[in-house]
Amino acid sequence: MTYDSPTQSPARAQFVDETPAGKRIVDRTDGIVERLRDELGRDLTMVAAYNADVLEIHYFHETFREQYEPSDLDALAADLCLDGRMGDAFQEELLQLGRFNFVVKGFDDGLLLRVPLSDGTGVAVSTNLNAGEKVATLVPSVVEDCDVRVATRD
C-alpha cells in the first residue's frame, strides 16, 4: 500500500501477550518492564517498543487496557512510529546539541517518554503525573542499562 505523505503511517499496535512469537518485533527486553515497575510502581502506565511499523506493548496498566479501543492504540502507534522514523536524526542535525536521547510529552493526566534506540526503533514509556521529574532521569537510564533489541523494518 502506498501513502501520499510520510505522515500517513501504516503503523499498528500489538500486545506482546497476544502476538505469536514469529510476529513480535522485540528480540529481547532484558527485564525492562520489571525494572520500571519496581522503580515507578503504580505510576507506570505503559511500556512499549516500536519500529517504523509496529508499536509492541509489553506492559499496559489494566485500567487503560480496558479504556482504549484498538483504533486508539493504532493512532498512538502511528504517532510514535512516525516520530521515530522522521524526527530523531532531524532533531540532532537541527539543534546540534549532541545525540538525541529522549523526548517527554506532558499532558493533563500523564507523561509520555520516548527513548530512541537506533534506526527508527525505540522504547516508549507512559506514567501518570506522580512520576514527575524522575521520569526524565530514570527511564533513559533504565533503557540504556537494559539490552532491549527491536527489529528494524524489513
Protein backbone atom coordinates (compact mmCIF):
# COMPACT_ATOMS: atom_id res chain seq x y z
CA MET A 1 0.00 0.00 0.00
CA THR A 2 1.36 3.44 -0.85
CA TYR A 3 0.88 6.57 1.19
CA ASP A 4 0.57 10.10 -0.14
CA SER A 5 2.68 11.65 2.58
CA PRO A 6 5.07 10.49 5.28
CA THR A 7 2.51 11.45 7.91
CA GLN A 8 0.14 8.74 6.72
CA SER A 9 1.53 5.87 8.72
CA PRO A 10 0.52 2.24 8.35
CA ALA A 11 1.72 1.59 11.90
CA ARG A 12 -0.28 -0.65 14.16
CA ALA A 13 -0.27 -1.57 17.83
CA GLN A 14 0.04 -5.10 19.16
CA PHE A 15 0.15 -6.55 22.66
CA VAL A 16 3.11 -8.87 23.17
CA ASP A 17 0.94 -11.34 25.11
CA GLU A 18 -1.49 -11.61 22.17
CA THR A 19 1.11 -11.80 19.39
CA PRO A 20 2.67 -15.05 18.11
CA ALA A 21 6.43 -15.15 18.70
CA GLY A 22 7.19 -15.02 14.97
CA LYS A 23 5.35 -11.71 14.58
CA ARG A 24 6.90 -9.88 17.53
CA ILE A 25 9.34 -7.06 16.89
CA VAL A 26 11.30 -7.28 20.14
CA ASP A 27 14.05 -9.86 20.28
CA ARG A 28 14.94 -9.09 23.88
CA THR A 29 13.70 -6.83 26.69
CA ASP A 30 16.28 -7.64 29.37
CA GLY A 31 13.78 -7.11 32.20
CA ILE A 32 12.92 -3.50 31.37
CA VAL A 33 9.26 -3.84 32.38
CA GLU A 34 10.13 -5.33 35.76
CA ARG A 35 12.76 -2.66 36.45
CA LEU A 36 10.42 0.18 35.56
CA ARG A 37 7.60 -1.35 37.62
CA ASP A 38 9.97 -1.69 40.58
CA GLU A 39 11.06 1.95 40.26
CA LEU A 40 7.76 3.60 39.32
CA GLY A 41 5.18 1.28 40.87
CA ARG A 42 1.58 2.25 40.19
CA ASP A 43 2.71 5.42 38.41
CA LEU A 44 3.78 3.33 35.39
CA THR A 45 1.02 3.04 32.79
CA MET A 46 2.72 1.67 29.64
CA VAL A 47 5.97 0.19 28.38
CA ALA A 48 6.24 -0.44 24.65
CA ALA A 49 8.84 -0.83 21.93
CA TYR A 50 8.46 0.49 18.41
CA ASN A 51 9.96 0.30 14.97
CA ALA A 52 8.83 2.02 11.78
CA ASP A 53 5.66 -0.10 11.53
CA VAL A 54 4.69 -1.52 14.91
CA LEU A 55 4.17 -0.40 18.49
CA GLU A 56 4.56 -3.54 20.58
CA ILE A 57 3.06 -3.08 24.05
CA HIS A 58 4.83 -5.05 26.78
CA TYR A 59 3.01 -3.53 29.74
CA PHE A 60 -0.25 -1.62 29.82
CA HIS A 61 -1.94 -0.80 33.11
CA GLU A 62 -5.20 -2.77 33.27
CA THR A 63 -7.29 0.39 33.69
CA PHE A 64 -6.01 1.77 30.41
CA ARG A 65 -6.21 -1.54 28.58
CA GLU A 66 -9.95 -1.54 29.23
CA GLN A 67 -10.37 2.11 28.16
CA TYR A 68 -8.56 2.11 24.83
CA GLU A 69 -10.08 0.86 21.58
CA PRO A 70 -7.77 -0.84 19.05
CA SER A 71 -8.11 2.16 16.72
CA ASP A 72 -6.90 4.48 19.52
CA LEU A 73 -3.85 2.29 20.04
CA ASP A 74 -3.17 2.21 16.30
CA ALA A 75 -3.29 6.03 16.29
CA LEU A 76 -0.78 6.08 19.15
CA ALA A 77 1.38 3.63 17.19
CA ALA A 78 1.21 5.83 14.10
CA ASP A 79 2.34 8.87 16.09
CA LEU A 80 5.21 7.16 17.92
CA CYS A 81 6.45 5.25 14.89
CA LEU A 82 6.33 8.39 12.75
CA ASP A 83 8.31 10.34 15.34
CA GLY A 84 10.91 7.59 15.33
CA ARG A 85 11.13 7.49 11.54
CA MET A 86 11.26 11.20 10.89
CA GLY A 87 12.25 13.17 13.93
CA ASP A 88 15.34 11.86 15.67
CA ALA A 89 18.07 12.38 13.08
CA PHE A 90 16.50 15.69 12.07
CA GLN A 91 16.50 16.92 15.67
CA GLU A 92 20.19 16.04 16.07
CA GLU A 93 21.08 17.95 12.90
CA LEU A 94 18.81 20.90 13.58
CA LEU A 95 19.77 21.58 17.17
CA GLN A 96 23.41 20.41 17.14
CA LEU A 97 23.31 19.60 20.83
CA GLY A 98 24.74 16.10 20.52
CA ARG A 99 22.98 12.77 20.42
CA PHE A 100 19.19 12.81 20.75
CA ASN A 101 18.46 10.84 23.94
CA PHE A 102 14.75 11.15 24.73
CA VAL A 103 11.66 13.30 24.49
CA VAL A 104 8.97 13.81 27.13
CA LYS A 105 5.46 14.91 26.23
CA GLY A 106 3.36 16.26 29.08
CA PHE A 107 -0.43 16.00 29.22
CA ASP A 108 -3.07 16.91 31.80
CA ASP A 109 -3.11 13.39 33.21
CA GLY A 110 0.26 11.89 32.37
CA LEU A 111 3.64 11.86 30.70
CA LEU A 112 4.83 10.03 27.59
CA LEU A 113 8.55 9.49 27.20
CA ARG A 114 10.15 8.15 24.01
CA VAL A 115 13.74 6.87 24.05
CA PRO A 116 15.22 6.14 20.60
CA LEU A 117 17.47 3.10 20.30
CA SER A 118 18.59 3.18 16.66
CA ASP A 119 17.33 3.23 13.08
CA GLY A 120 13.77 4.30 13.89
CA THR A 121 13.42 1.93 16.83
CA GLY A 122 12.95 2.76 20.47
CA VAL A 123 11.09 2.40 23.73
CA ALA A 124 8.01 4.37 24.79
CA VAL A 125 7.00 4.70 28.44
CA SER A 126 3.98 6.45 29.90
CA THR A 127 3.29 7.35 33.50
CA ASN A 128 0.79 9.30 35.50
CA LEU A 129 1.83 12.74 36.73
CA ASN A 130 3.01 11.39 40.09
CA ALA A 131 6.18 10.11 38.39
CA GLY A 132 7.07 13.75 37.71
CA GLU A 133 10.62 14.81 37.21
CA LYS A 134 12.21 11.44 37.98
CA VAL A 135 10.87 10.14 34.65
CA ALA A 136 13.37 12.22 32.68
CA THR A 137 16.34 10.72 34.53
CA LEU A 138 15.12 7.25 35.48
CA VAL A 139 13.58 5.98 32.24
CA PRO A 140 16.50 6.79 29.88
CA SER A 141 18.90 5.27 32.41
CA VAL A 142 16.90 2.03 32.68
CA VAL A 143 16.52 1.80 28.89
CA GLU A 144 20.28 2.27 28.48
CA ASP A 145 21.07 -0.33 31.16
CA CYS A 146 18.73 -2.93 29.66
CA ASP A 147 19.76 -4.57 26.42
CA VAL A 148 16.49 -4.01 24.55
CA ARG A 149 16.61 -5.23 20.96
CA VAL A 150 13.95 -4.20 18.46
CA ALA A 151 13.89 -5.47 14.89
CA THR A 152 14.02 -2.76 12.25
CA ARG A 153 11.67 -2.55 9.30
CA ASP A 154 12.27 -5.28 6.71
